[in-house]
Protein backbone atom coordinates (compact mmCIF):
# COMPACT_ATOMS: atom_id res chain seq x y z
CA MET A 1 -9.36 4.84 40.95
CA THR A 2 -12.87 5.66 42.12
CA LYS A 3 -14.55 4.44 45.26
CA PRO A 4 -17.36 1.94 45.01
CA PRO A 5 -20.87 3.36 45.60
CA THR A 6 -21.13 1.74 49.04
CA ASP A 7 -18.00 3.57 50.20
CA LEU A 8 -19.36 6.84 48.83
CA ASP A 9 -22.68 6.28 50.61
CA ALA A 10 -20.83 5.67 53.87
CA THR A 11 -18.75 8.82 53.36
CA VAL A 12 -21.87 10.89 52.64
CA ALA A 13 -23.60 9.47 55.73
CA ASP A 14 -20.55 10.23 57.88
CA LEU A 15 -20.27 13.80 56.57
CA THR A 16 -24.01 14.33 57.05
CA ALA A 17 -23.75 13.16 60.65
CA GLN A 18 -20.79 15.48 61.26
CA LEU A 19 -22.71 18.42 59.77
CA ARG A 20 -25.75 17.73 61.95
CA ALA A 21 -23.56 17.48 65.03
CA ALA A 22 -21.84 20.76 64.18
CA ARG A 23 -25.22 22.47 63.70
CA ARG A 24 -26.47 21.11 67.04
CA ALA A 25 -23.31 22.31 68.76
CA ALA A 26 -23.67 25.78 67.21
CA ARG A 27 -27.31 26.03 68.35
CA THR A 28 -26.33 24.93 71.85
CA ALA A 29 -23.49 27.45 71.97
CA ARG A 30 -25.84 30.27 70.89
CA ARG A 31 -28.40 29.32 73.56
CA GLU A 32 -25.70 29.11 76.25
CA ALA A 33 -24.22 32.47 75.23
CA LEU A 34 -27.65 34.12 75.42
CA LEU A 35 -28.32 32.58 78.83
CA ALA A 36 -24.95 33.75 80.15
CA ALA A 37 -25.56 37.27 78.84
CA ARG A 38 -29.00 37.35 80.47
CA GLN A 39 -27.57 36.15 83.76
CA ASP A 40 -24.78 38.75 83.61
CA LEU A 41 -27.36 41.47 82.95
CA GLY A 42 -29.42 40.33 85.93
CA VAL A 43 -26.41 40.35 88.24
CA TRP A 44 -25.33 43.77 86.95
CA LEU A 45 -28.83 45.22 87.37
CA ALA A 46 -29.24 43.83 90.89
CA GLU A 47 -25.84 45.19 91.92
CA ALA A 48 -26.48 48.58 90.30
CA ALA A 49 -29.82 48.87 92.06
CA GLY A 50 -28.41 47.70 95.38
CA ALA A 51 -30.71 44.68 95.48
CA ASP A 52 -28.70 42.49 97.83
CA THR A 53 -31.42 40.24 99.24
CA PRO A 54 -33.89 37.92 97.53
CA GLU A 55 -36.70 40.20 98.65
CA ALA A 56 -35.01 43.27 97.14
CA VAL A 57 -34.44 41.43 93.86
CA ALA A 58 -38.13 40.46 93.80
CA ARG A 59 -39.15 44.10 94.41
CA LEU A 60 -36.80 45.26 91.65
CA ARG A 61 -38.29 42.74 89.25
CA ASP A 62 -41.81 43.84 90.16
CA ALA A 63 -40.83 47.48 89.57
CA LEU A 64 -39.61 46.81 86.04
CA ASP A 65 -42.44 46.89 83.50
CA PRO A 66 -41.53 44.60 80.60
CA GLY A 67 -43.70 46.53 78.14
CA GLN A 68 -42.00 49.84 78.89
CA LEU A 69 -38.55 48.26 78.82
CA ARG A 70 -39.23 46.61 75.45
CA ALA A 71 -40.54 49.90 74.03
CA ALA A 72 -37.48 51.79 75.27
CA ILE A 73 -35.10 49.25 73.74
CA THR A 74 -36.82 49.11 70.35
CA ALA A 75 -37.31 52.90 70.19
CA ALA A 76 -33.66 53.72 70.89
CA PRO A 77 -32.09 54.89 67.62
CA GLU A 78 -28.88 53.29 66.47
CA PRO A 79 -25.90 55.66 66.16
CA THR A 80 -25.33 56.69 62.54
CA ALA A 81 -22.06 57.42 60.82
CA GLY A 82 -20.37 60.36 62.48
CA GLN A 83 -22.32 59.97 65.73
CA HIS A 84 -20.86 58.40 68.83
CA ASP A 85 -22.75 56.61 71.54
CA GLY A 86 -20.68 58.21 74.32
CA GLY A 87 -19.36 54.90 75.56
CA ALA A 88 -16.14 54.29 77.44
CA ASP A 89 -14.06 54.98 74.36
CA ALA A 90 -15.66 58.40 73.75
CA GLY A 91 -12.36 60.09 74.55
CA TYR A 92 -13.53 62.50 77.17
């Protein structure tokens, strides 16, 4: 037995709403993950640099040139097969 067209329309509308909600939730989760990663980086950088006052954090921020940082990040080559990045699992 098949469903009448009105029931199918309601099912399609419900599934469409669920899909939109899932997409919104995924976008929100990606934005929140990026924000958390940025905040973690800021905390790590401030601690590594010994910036333990608001003034020291402001000086650290002023000392970092965004153009040079962006160039350094984009110019860094990715490790290729057989190369190791020397991270914590380097084995030495």
